[in-house]
């Protein structure tokens, strides 16, 4: 089966290359420019404080993909499976980031905390809904550290 997607928009920000692993993305403000013909799909989006942005790590080369990775580059934990990681080198180049919505004007969303570089294609946007997107009983791996 061959699945094809087309971007719904593009990221515009001042980050032009992947920064160091220690870079703090939380304060980065980006604009998401939605394709004009899809702008109507943003109606009422400002009623949400947070959005899930689904995007393509388009500059992560498929030849860099491996099934075992060091979690967040932390070699002391040993290698884990790529599906237990957030590595951008994946069988399918897709990623998701939860961001704060700052502003909506026309076909442009201003968001905070999006960990992408300028020109990144956006594949989809979904509102963060507490009942769907979080679970009080969720457990994370011991190598997860707050970013």
N, C-alpha and C. Protein backbone atom coordinates (compact mmCIF):
# COMPACT_ATOMS: atom_id res chain seq x y z
N UNK A 1 0.85 -1.17 0.00
CA UNK A 1 0.00 0.00 0.00
C UNK A 1 0.90 1.24 0.00
N UNK A 2 0.57 2.17 -0.84
CA UNK A 2 1.31 3.42 -0.91
C UNK A 2 0.41 4.55 -0.44
N UNK A 3 0.83 5.24 0.62
CA UNK A 3 0.05 6.34 1.16
C UNK A 3 0.76 7.65 0.80
N UNK A 4 0.02 8.55 0.23
CA UNK A 4 0.60 9.85 -0.12
C UNK A 4 -0.13 10.94 0.63
N UNK A 5 0.63 11.91 1.12
CA UNK A 5 0.06 13.06 1.81
C UNK A 5 0.59 14.32 1.16
N UNK A 6 -0.17 15.38 1.28
CA UNK A 6 0.32 16.68 0.83
C UNK A 6 0.29 17.62 2.03
N UNK A 7 1.27 18.47 2.16
CA UNK A 7 1.29 19.40 3.29
C UNK A 7 0.07 20.31 3.29
N UNK A 8 -0.42 20.63 4.48
CA UNK A 8 -1.52 21.59 4.62
C UNK A 8 -0.97 22.99 4.87
N UNK A 9 0.33 23.07 5.13
CA UNK A 9 0.95 24.36 5.39
C UNK A 9 2.44 24.22 5.59
N UNK A 10 3.06 25.34 5.99
CA UNK A 10 4.51 25.40 6.15
C UNK A 10 4.85 26.21 7.39
N UNK A 11 5.92 25.82 8.07
CA UNK A 11 6.42 26.54 9.25
C UNK A 11 7.29 27.70 8.81
N UNK A 12 7.09 28.85 9.45
CA UNK A 12 7.94 30.02 9.24
C UNK A 12 8.47 30.43 10.61
N UNK A 13 9.81 30.38 10.76
CA UNK A 13 10.45 30.84 11.98
C UNK A 13 11.91 31.19 11.68
N UNK A 14 12.67 31.52 12.69
CA UNK A 14 14.06 31.95 12.49
C UNK A 14 15.07 30.82 12.60
N UNK A 15 14.61 29.60 12.85
CA UNK A 15 15.51 28.45 13.01
C UNK A 15 15.76 27.85 11.61
N UNK A 16 17.00 27.94 11.13
CA UNK A 16 17.30 27.50 9.77
C UNK A 16 18.05 26.17 9.70
N UNK A 17 18.53 25.68 10.82
CA UNK A 17 19.23 24.40 10.87
C UNK A 17 18.94 23.75 12.21
N UNK A 18 19.07 22.44 12.24
CA UNK A 18 18.82 21.73 13.50
C UNK A 18 19.81 22.20 14.56
N UNK A 19 19.30 22.71 15.69
CA UNK A 19 20.21 23.18 16.75
C UNK A 19 20.74 22.02 17.59
N UNK A 20 21.61 22.34 18.53
CA UNK A 20 22.18 21.34 19.42
C UNK A 20 21.08 20.65 20.22
N UNK A 21 21.35 19.42 20.65
CA UNK A 21 20.40 18.62 21.43
C UNK A 21 19.92 19.36 22.67
N UNK A 22 20.74 20.23 23.23
CA UNK A 22 20.41 20.95 24.46
C UNK A 22 19.58 22.21 24.22
N UNK A 23 19.31 22.54 22.95
CA UNK A 23 18.53 23.74 22.62
C UNK A 23 17.14 23.64 23.24
N UNK A 24 16.66 24.74 23.81
CA UNK A 24 15.33 24.79 24.43
C UNK A 24 14.30 25.33 23.44
N UNK A 25 13.42 24.48 22.99
CA UNK A 25 12.41 24.86 22.01
C UNK A 25 11.22 25.58 22.62
N UNK A 26 11.05 25.50 23.92
CA UNK A 26 9.86 26.01 24.58
C UNK A 26 9.54 27.47 24.33
N UNK A 27 10.56 28.31 24.07
CA UNK A 27 10.32 29.74 23.86
C UNK A 27 10.27 30.13 22.38
N UNK A 28 10.49 29.17 21.49
CA UNK A 28 10.49 29.48 20.06
C UNK A 28 9.07 29.80 19.60
N UNK A 29 8.91 30.95 18.96
CA UNK A 29 7.63 31.34 18.39
C UNK A 29 7.72 31.12 16.87
N UNK A 30 6.74 30.43 16.35
CA UNK A 30 6.69 30.12 14.92
C UNK A 30 5.33 30.52 14.37
N UNK A 31 5.30 30.70 13.07
CA UNK A 31 4.03 30.86 12.37
C UNK A 31 3.80 29.61 11.53
N UNK A 32 2.56 29.19 11.48
CA UNK A 32 2.17 28.12 10.58
C UNK A 32 1.31 28.76 9.50
N UNK A 33 1.82 28.75 8.30
CA UNK A 33 1.09 29.32 7.17
C UNK A 33 0.32 28.19 6.49
N UNK A 34 -0.97 28.19 6.70
CA UNK A 34 -1.84 27.17 6.11
C UNK A 34 -2.11 27.54 4.66
N UNK A 35 -2.14 26.54 3.79
CA UNK A 35 -2.45 26.80 2.39
C UNK A 35 -3.77 27.57 2.32
N UNK A 36 -3.80 28.66 1.55
CA UNK A 36 -5.00 29.52 1.52
C UNK A 36 -6.30 28.78 1.24
N UNK A 37 -6.28 27.78 0.39
CA UNK A 37 -7.51 27.05 0.06
C UNK A 37 -8.02 26.20 1.22
N UNK A 38 -7.20 26.05 2.29
CA UNK A 38 -7.60 25.27 3.46
C UNK A 38 -7.89 26.16 4.68
N UNK A 39 -7.76 27.47 4.52
CA UNK A 39 -7.88 28.40 5.65
C UNK A 39 -9.24 28.29 6.36
N UNK A 40 -10.28 28.00 5.64
CA UNK A 40 -11.61 27.87 6.25
C UNK A 40 -11.62 26.77 7.32
N UNK A 41 -10.74 25.78 7.20
CA UNK A 41 -10.63 24.69 8.16
C UNK A 41 -10.12 25.14 9.52
N UNK A 42 -9.65 26.39 9.62
CA UNK A 42 -9.17 26.93 10.91
C UNK A 42 -10.28 27.61 11.71
N UNK A 43 -11.47 27.66 11.17
CA UNK A 43 -12.60 28.32 11.85
C UNK A 43 -12.75 27.78 13.27
N UNK A 44 -12.78 28.66 14.25
CA UNK A 44 -12.96 28.38 15.68
C UNK A 44 -11.74 27.75 16.35
N UNK A 45 -10.62 27.67 15.68
CA UNK A 45 -9.43 27.05 16.28
C UNK A 45 -8.93 27.84 17.49
N UNK A 46 -9.20 29.15 17.51
CA UNK A 46 -8.75 29.98 18.63
C UNK A 46 -9.50 29.66 19.93
N UNK A 47 -10.49 28.79 19.88
CA UNK A 47 -11.17 28.36 21.10
C UNK A 47 -10.34 27.35 21.89
N UNK A 48 -9.21 26.93 21.32
CA UNK A 48 -8.30 26.00 21.98
C UNK A 48 -7.01 26.72 22.34
N UNK A 49 -6.45 26.38 23.51
CA UNK A 49 -5.18 26.99 23.92
C UNK A 49 -3.98 26.23 23.35
N UNK A 50 -4.16 24.95 23.07
CA UNK A 50 -3.05 24.12 22.60
C UNK A 50 -3.49 23.30 21.39
N UNK A 51 -2.51 23.05 20.51
CA UNK A 51 -2.75 22.28 19.30
C UNK A 51 -1.69 21.20 19.15
N UNK A 52 -2.08 20.08 18.58
CA UNK A 52 -1.12 19.05 18.18
C UNK A 52 -0.79 19.31 16.72
N UNK A 53 0.49 19.56 16.44
CA UNK A 53 0.94 19.81 15.08
C UNK A 53 1.62 18.54 14.58
N UNK A 54 1.12 18.01 13.48
CA UNK A 54 1.71 16.84 12.85
C UNK A 54 2.52 17.37 11.67
N UNK A 55 3.81 17.03 11.66
CA UNK A 55 4.70 17.61 10.66
C UNK A 55 5.69 16.58 10.16
N UNK A 56 6.38 16.91 9.09
CA UNK A 56 7.36 16.00 8.51
C UNK A 56 8.78 16.49 8.77
N UNK A 57 9.60 15.66 9.45
CA UNK A 57 11.01 16.01 9.60
C UNK A 57 11.71 15.79 8.25
N UNK A 58 11.39 16.65 7.30
CA UNK A 58 11.77 16.48 5.90
C UNK A 58 13.27 16.49 5.64
N UNK A 59 14.05 17.01 6.56
CA UNK A 59 15.50 17.02 6.35
C UNK A 59 16.20 15.85 7.02
N UNK A 60 15.43 14.97 7.67
CA UNK A 60 16.00 13.74 8.25
C UNK A 60 16.03 12.70 7.14
N UNK A 61 17.21 12.37 6.70
CA UNK A 61 17.35 11.48 5.55
C UNK A 61 16.98 10.04 5.90
N UNK A 62 16.22 9.36 5.01
CA UNK A 62 15.83 7.97 5.26
C UNK A 62 17.04 7.06 5.50
N UNK A 63 18.18 7.35 4.86
CA UNK A 63 19.35 6.49 5.06
C UNK A 63 19.89 6.60 6.48
N UNK A 64 19.46 7.62 7.24
CA UNK A 64 19.86 7.75 8.63
C UNK A 64 18.99 6.93 9.57
N UNK A 65 17.93 6.33 9.03
CA UNK A 65 16.97 5.59 9.83
C UNK A 65 17.59 4.29 10.33
N UNK A 66 17.37 4.01 11.60
CA UNK A 66 17.81 2.76 12.20
C UNK A 66 16.74 2.32 13.18
N UNK A 67 16.61 1.05 13.41
CA UNK A 67 15.56 0.55 14.30
C UNK A 67 15.94 0.63 15.78
N UNK A 68 17.22 0.80 16.08
CA UNK A 68 17.68 0.95 17.46
C UNK A 68 18.42 2.28 17.60
N UNK A 69 18.04 3.06 18.62
CA UNK A 69 18.63 4.39 18.83
C UNK A 69 18.92 4.59 20.32
N UNK A 70 19.81 5.53 20.60
CA UNK A 70 20.03 5.94 21.98
C UNK A 70 18.94 6.97 22.32
N UNK A 71 18.18 6.77 23.41
CA UNK A 71 17.11 7.71 23.74
C UNK A 71 17.66 9.10 24.04
N UNK A 72 17.24 10.07 23.22
CA UNK A 72 17.69 11.46 23.35
C UNK A 72 19.21 11.57 23.39
N UNK A 73 19.88 10.64 22.71
CA UNK A 73 21.34 10.65 22.66
C UNK A 73 22.01 10.21 23.95
N UNK A 74 21.26 9.67 24.90
CA UNK A 74 21.77 9.27 26.21
C UNK A 74 22.27 7.82 26.14
N UNK A 75 23.56 7.66 25.90
CA UNK A 75 24.15 6.33 25.72
C UNK A 75 24.13 5.50 26.99
N UNK A 76 24.04 6.15 28.15
CA UNK A 76 24.07 5.41 29.41
C UNK A 76 22.85 4.49 29.58
N UNK A 77 21.80 4.70 28.80
CA UNK A 77 20.60 3.87 28.92
C UNK A 77 20.59 2.72 27.91
N UNK A 78 21.58 2.68 27.03
CA UNK A 78 21.59 1.67 25.99
C UNK A 78 20.61 2.02 24.88
N UNK A 79 20.58 1.20 23.86
CA UNK A 79 19.71 1.47 22.72
C UNK A 79 18.29 0.96 22.98
N UNK A 80 17.35 1.68 22.39
CA UNK A 80 15.93 1.31 22.46
C UNK A 80 15.39 1.28 21.03
N UNK A 81 14.23 0.71 20.87
CA UNK A 81 13.60 0.67 19.56
C UNK A 81 13.14 2.05 19.11
N UNK A 82 13.23 2.32 17.82
CA UNK A 82 12.85 3.64 17.29
C UNK A 82 11.40 3.98 17.62
N UNK A 83 10.53 2.97 17.75
CA UNK A 83 9.13 3.23 18.07
C UNK A 83 8.93 3.59 19.54
N UNK A 84 9.96 3.39 20.36
CA UNK A 84 9.93 3.81 21.77
C UNK A 84 10.68 5.13 21.94
N UNK A 85 10.91 5.82 20.83
CA UNK A 85 11.68 7.07 20.86
C UNK A 85 10.96 8.16 20.07
N UNK A 86 11.53 9.34 20.14
CA UNK A 86 11.05 10.46 19.31
C UNK A 86 12.07 10.80 18.24
N UNK A 87 12.93 9.86 17.89
CA UNK A 87 13.94 10.08 16.86
C UNK A 87 13.28 10.54 15.56
N UNK A 88 13.88 11.52 14.88
CA UNK A 88 13.32 11.95 13.59
C UNK A 88 13.63 10.97 12.46
N UNK A 89 14.54 10.03 12.70
CA UNK A 89 14.91 9.04 11.69
C UNK A 89 14.02 7.82 11.86
N UNK A 90 12.91 7.79 11.10
CA UNK A 90 11.86 6.81 11.28
C UNK A 90 11.51 6.16 9.95
N UNK A 91 10.83 5.00 9.98
CA UNK A 91 10.39 4.40 8.72
C UNK A 91 9.49 5.34 7.91
N UNK A 92 8.65 6.11 8.58
CA UNK A 92 7.83 7.13 7.92
C UNK A 92 8.15 8.47 8.57
N UNK A 93 8.55 9.46 7.79
CA UNK A 93 8.99 10.73 8.37
C UNK A 93 7.81 11.61 8.84
N UNK A 94 7.28 11.27 10.01
CA UNK A 94 6.23 12.10 10.61
C UNK A 94 6.58 12.35 12.07
N UNK A 95 6.13 13.49 12.56
CA UNK A 95 6.39 13.87 13.95
C UNK A 95 5.18 14.66 14.46
N UNK A 96 5.10 14.79 15.79
CA UNK A 96 3.98 15.51 16.41
C UNK A 96 4.53 16.34 17.56
N UNK A 97 4.04 17.58 17.66
CA UNK A 97 4.43 18.46 18.75
C UNK A 97 3.19 19.16 19.30
N UNK A 98 3.09 19.20 20.62
CA UNK A 98 2.04 19.97 21.28
C UNK A 98 2.54 21.39 21.45
N UNK A 99 1.76 22.36 20.96
CA UNK A 99 2.16 23.77 21.03
C UNK A 99 1.06 24.61 21.66
N UNK A 100 1.45 25.79 22.13
CA UNK A 100 0.48 26.77 22.61
C UNK A 100 0.10 27.67 21.45
N UNK A 101 -1.20 27.84 21.23
CA UNK A 101 -1.69 28.75 20.20
C UNK A 101 -1.69 30.16 20.76
N UNK A 102 -0.95 31.05 20.13
CA UNK A 102 -0.88 32.45 20.56
C UNK A 102 -1.84 33.34 19.80
N UNK A 103 -2.02 33.05 18.51
CA UNK A 103 -2.83 33.95 17.68
C UNK A 103 -3.27 33.24 16.41
N UNK A 104 -4.44 33.61 15.92
CA UNK A 104 -4.96 33.12 14.64
C UNK A 104 -5.42 34.32 13.84
N UNK A 105 -4.81 34.52 12.68
CA UNK A 105 -5.21 35.60 11.75
C UNK A 105 -5.25 35.02 10.35
N UNK A 106 -6.45 34.95 9.79
CA UNK A 106 -6.58 34.43 8.43
C UNK A 106 -6.08 33.01 8.32
N UNK A 107 -5.07 32.80 7.47
CA UNK A 107 -4.53 31.45 7.28
C UNK A 107 -3.22 31.25 8.05
N UNK A 108 -2.95 32.12 9.04
CA UNK A 108 -1.70 32.04 9.80
C UNK A 108 -2.00 31.80 11.28
N UNK A 109 -1.31 30.80 11.84
CA UNK A 109 -1.36 30.53 13.27
C UNK A 109 0.00 30.90 13.86
N UNK A 110 0.00 31.66 14.95
CA UNK A 110 1.24 31.92 15.67
C UNK A 110 1.22 31.00 16.88
N UNK A 111 2.31 30.21 17.02
CA UNK A 111 2.37 29.20 18.08
C UNK A 111 3.70 29.29 18.82
N UNK A 112 3.73 28.72 20.01
CA UNK A 112 4.94 28.71 20.83
C UNK A 112 5.30 27.27 21.17
N UNK A 113 6.61 26.93 21.02
CA UNK A 113 7.10 25.62 21.42
C UNK A 113 7.18 24.59 20.31
N UNK A 114 7.08 25.02 19.07
CA UNK A 114 7.14 24.07 17.95
C UNK A 114 8.60 23.77 17.61
N UNK A 115 9.00 22.53 17.71
CA UNK A 115 10.39 22.13 17.53
C UNK A 115 10.72 21.76 16.09
N UNK A 116 10.53 22.72 15.20
CA UNK A 116 10.81 22.52 13.78
C UNK A 116 11.62 23.69 13.23
N UNK A 117 12.23 23.45 12.09
CA UNK A 117 12.99 24.51 11.44
C UNK A 117 12.14 25.20 10.37
N UNK A 118 12.58 26.36 9.97
CA UNK A 118 11.90 27.13 8.94
C UNK A 118 11.72 26.28 7.67
N UNK A 119 10.52 26.32 7.11
CA UNK A 119 10.24 25.59 5.88
C UNK A 119 9.70 24.19 6.08
N UNK A 120 9.55 23.76 7.32
CA UNK A 120 9.05 22.41 7.59
C UNK A 120 7.60 22.27 7.12
N UNK A 121 7.28 21.19 6.41
CA UNK A 121 5.91 20.95 5.98
C UNK A 121 5.03 20.48 7.14
N UNK A 122 3.84 21.05 7.24
CA UNK A 122 2.84 20.64 8.23
C UNK A 122 1.87 19.70 7.53
N UNK A 123 1.63 18.54 8.14
CA UNK A 123 0.74 17.54 7.55
C UNK A 123 -0.68 17.63 8.07
N UNK A 124 -0.83 18.04 9.33
CA UNK A 124 -2.17 18.14 9.92
C UNK A 124 -2.10 18.93 11.21
N UNK A 125 -3.24 19.38 11.67
CA UNK A 125 -3.37 20.09 12.94
C UNK A 125 -4.60 19.53 13.63
N UNK A 126 -4.45 19.21 14.91
CA UNK A 126 -5.58 18.73 15.71
C UNK A 126 -5.58 19.47 17.02
N UNK A 127 -6.74 19.88 17.51
CA UNK A 127 -6.78 20.56 18.81
C UNK A 127 -6.44 19.59 19.93
N UNK A 128 -5.78 20.11 20.96
CA UNK A 128 -5.51 19.32 22.16
C UNK A 128 -6.80 19.27 22.95
N UNK A 129 -7.27 18.07 23.23
CA UNK A 129 -8.49 17.86 24.01
C UNK A 129 -8.12 16.99 25.21
N UNK A 130 -8.24 17.55 26.38
CA UNK A 130 -7.78 16.89 27.61
C UNK A 130 -8.21 15.44 27.70
N UNK A 131 -9.48 15.14 27.47
CA UNK A 131 -9.98 13.77 27.62
C UNK A 131 -9.36 12.80 26.61
N UNK A 132 -8.97 13.29 25.44
CA UNK A 132 -8.40 12.43 24.40
C UNK A 132 -6.88 12.34 24.48
N UNK A 133 -6.24 13.44 24.87
CA UNK A 133 -4.80 13.57 24.71
C UNK A 133 -3.98 13.39 25.97
N UNK A 134 -4.59 13.04 27.08
CA UNK A 134 -3.81 12.80 28.29
C UNK A 134 -4.48 11.70 29.11
N UNK A 135 -3.68 11.06 29.92
CA UNK A 135 -4.16 9.99 30.76
C UNK A 135 -3.43 10.07 32.09
N UNK A 136 -4.19 10.21 33.18
CA UNK A 136 -3.59 10.33 34.51
C UNK A 136 -2.76 9.12 34.90
N UNK A 137 -3.01 7.98 34.28
CA UNK A 137 -2.30 6.75 34.63
C UNK A 137 -1.12 6.46 33.71
N UNK A 138 -0.79 7.38 32.81
CA UNK A 138 0.30 7.15 31.86
C UNK A 138 1.64 7.01 32.58
N UNK A 139 2.48 6.15 32.07
CA UNK A 139 3.82 5.90 32.60
C UNK A 139 4.82 6.17 31.49
N UNK A 140 5.95 6.80 31.82
CA UNK A 140 7.00 7.02 30.84
C UNK A 140 8.27 6.32 31.28
N UNK A 141 9.16 6.12 30.34
CA UNK A 141 10.43 5.42 30.59
C UNK A 141 11.31 6.22 31.55
N UNK A 142 12.17 5.54 32.30
CA UNK A 142 13.01 6.22 33.28
C UNK A 142 14.02 7.18 32.67
N UNK A 143 14.32 7.04 31.38
CA UNK A 143 15.29 7.95 30.76
C UNK A 143 14.67 9.27 30.29
N UNK A 144 13.36 9.40 30.42
CA UNK A 144 12.72 10.67 30.06
C UNK A 144 13.04 11.71 31.10
N UNK A 145 13.60 12.81 30.66
CA UNK A 145 13.89 13.95 31.54
C UNK A 145 13.09 15.13 31.03
N UNK A 146 12.61 15.98 31.92
CA UNK A 146 11.89 17.18 31.45
C UNK A 146 12.77 18.01 30.53
N UNK A 147 12.17 18.55 29.47
CA UNK A 147 12.93 19.41 28.55
C UNK A 147 12.64 20.87 28.79
